[in-house]
């Protein structure tokens, strides 16, 4: 996992009652075999019932833009479980390199 990174602005993902939690900055292997520098977050959304989403945020090809990928979603407050899942994915990728 990477140690230092400037935090992306998640304003477009969050409603006033949502809670975002930074998990890690890492080199994330994509399905196509590329590796992307990524910020990982879990977000508890409360707008239409509680749902927790695991997001991966990467710099877009267009300067100043970000791409956001929903990696997994779970009903209720699953922040700890999804954060652990994200960390596990990163750890598994690190051992394959």
Protein backbone atom coordinates (compact mmCIF):
# COMPACT_ATOMS: atom_id res chain seq x y z
CA UNK A 1 0.00 0.00 0.00
CA UNK A 2 1.11 3.54 -0.63
CA UNK A 3 1.76 5.82 2.34
CA UNK A 4 1.04 9.40 1.22
CA UNK A 5 -1.56 10.90 -1.08
CA UNK A 6 -3.65 14.01 -1.43
CA UNK A 7 -7.27 13.18 -0.67
CA UNK A 8 -9.72 13.44 -3.57
CA UNK A 9 -12.88 15.53 -3.22
CA UNK A 10 -15.77 13.10 -2.66
CA UNK A 11 -18.47 15.80 -2.56
CA UNK A 12 -20.35 14.35 -5.55
CA UNK A 13 -20.64 10.97 -3.81
CA UNK A 14 -21.81 12.17 -0.41
CA UNK A 15 -25.14 13.40 0.90
CA UNK A 16 -25.15 15.44 4.13
CA UNK A 17 -25.81 12.36 6.30
CA UNK A 18 -23.27 10.05 4.58
CA UNK A 19 -19.96 9.12 6.17
CA UNK A 20 -16.79 8.43 4.17
CA UNK A 21 -13.81 6.59 5.62
CA UNK A 22 -10.42 6.47 3.90
CA UNK A 23 -9.03 2.91 3.78
CA UNK A 24 -5.77 3.07 1.79
CA UNK A 25 -3.87 4.39 -1.19
CA UNK A 26 -2.55 1.54 -3.26
CA UNK A 27 -1.61 0.17 -6.66
CA UNK A 28 -4.82 -1.66 -7.67
CA UNK A 29 -4.65 -4.36 -10.36
CA UNK A 30 -7.46 -4.01 -12.89
CA UNK A 31 -9.21 -6.82 -14.73
CA UNK A 32 -7.22 -5.97 -17.85
CA UNK A 33 -3.90 -6.51 -16.06
CA UNK A 34 -3.01 -2.83 -15.66
CA UNK A 35 -2.17 -1.35 -12.27
CA UNK A 36 -3.77 1.95 -11.24
CA UNK A 37 -2.79 4.19 -8.35
CA UNK A 38 -6.04 4.26 -6.37
CA UNK A 39 -7.57 5.75 -3.25
CA UNK A 40 -9.86 3.28 -1.45
CA UNK A 41 -12.86 4.41 0.60
CA UNK A 42 -15.85 2.91 2.31
CA UNK A 43 -18.95 5.10 2.47
CA UNK A 44 -22.02 4.63 4.63
CA UNK A 45 -24.98 6.05 2.68
CA UNK A 46 -28.17 6.72 4.64
CA UNK A 47 -30.46 8.33 2.04
CA UNK A 48 -32.79 5.37 1.29
CA UNK A 49 -31.92 3.04 4.13
CA UNK A 50 -28.36 2.29 5.17
CA UNK A 51 -26.02 0.91 2.51
CA UNK A 52 -22.24 0.69 2.60
CA UNK A 53 -20.23 1.02 -0.61
CA UNK A 54 -16.56 0.25 -1.26
CA UNK A 55 -15.21 2.79 -3.75
CA UNK A 56 -11.97 3.04 -5.68
CA UNK A 57 -11.03 6.53 -6.87
CA UNK A 58 -8.40 7.03 -9.59
CA UNK A 59 -7.05 9.99 -11.53
CA UNK A 60 -8.80 10.19 -14.88
CA UNK A 61 -6.97 10.67 -18.18
CA UNK A 62 -8.35 14.21 -18.26
CA UNK A 63 -6.25 16.43 -15.97
CA UNK A 64 -8.08 17.42 -12.80
CA UNK A 65 -10.77 14.75 -13.16
CA UNK A 66 -11.33 11.59 -11.16
CA UNK A 67 -12.94 8.27 -12.02
CA UNK A 68 -14.92 6.51 -9.29
CA UNK A 69 -15.51 2.75 -9.31
CA UNK A 70 -18.00 0.99 -7.05
CA UNK A 71 -16.17 -2.20 -6.13
CA UNK A 72 -18.74 -3.70 -3.74
CA UNK A 73 -21.98 -2.81 -1.87
CA UNK A 74 -23.54 -4.28 1.26
CA UNK A 75 -26.79 -3.44 3.09
CA UNK A 76 -26.52 -1.76 6.49
CA UNK A 77 -23.40 -0.43 8.18
CA UNK A 78 -20.70 -2.74 6.84
CA UNK A 79 -17.80 -0.26 6.95
CA UNK A 80 -15.46 -2.52 8.93
CA UNK A 81 -16.19 -5.57 6.79
CA UNK A 82 -15.78 -3.73 3.48
CA UNK A 83 -12.61 -1.96 4.65
CA UNK A 84 -11.17 -5.37 5.57
CA UNK A 85 -12.26 -6.73 2.18
CA UNK A 86 -10.50 -3.85 0.37
CA UNK A 87 -7.33 -4.36 2.41
CA UNK A 88 -7.46 -8.07 1.63
CA UNK A 89 -7.72 -7.40 -2.10
CA UNK A 90 -4.69 -5.11 -1.92
CA UNK A 91 -2.68 -7.61 0.14
CA UNK A 92 -3.52 -10.44 -2.26
CA UNK A 93 -2.43 -8.31 -5.23
CA UNK A 94 0.85 -7.40 -3.48
CA UNK A 95 1.74 -11.06 -3.00
CA UNK A 96 1.08 -11.86 -6.68
CA UNK A 97 3.64 -9.32 -7.92
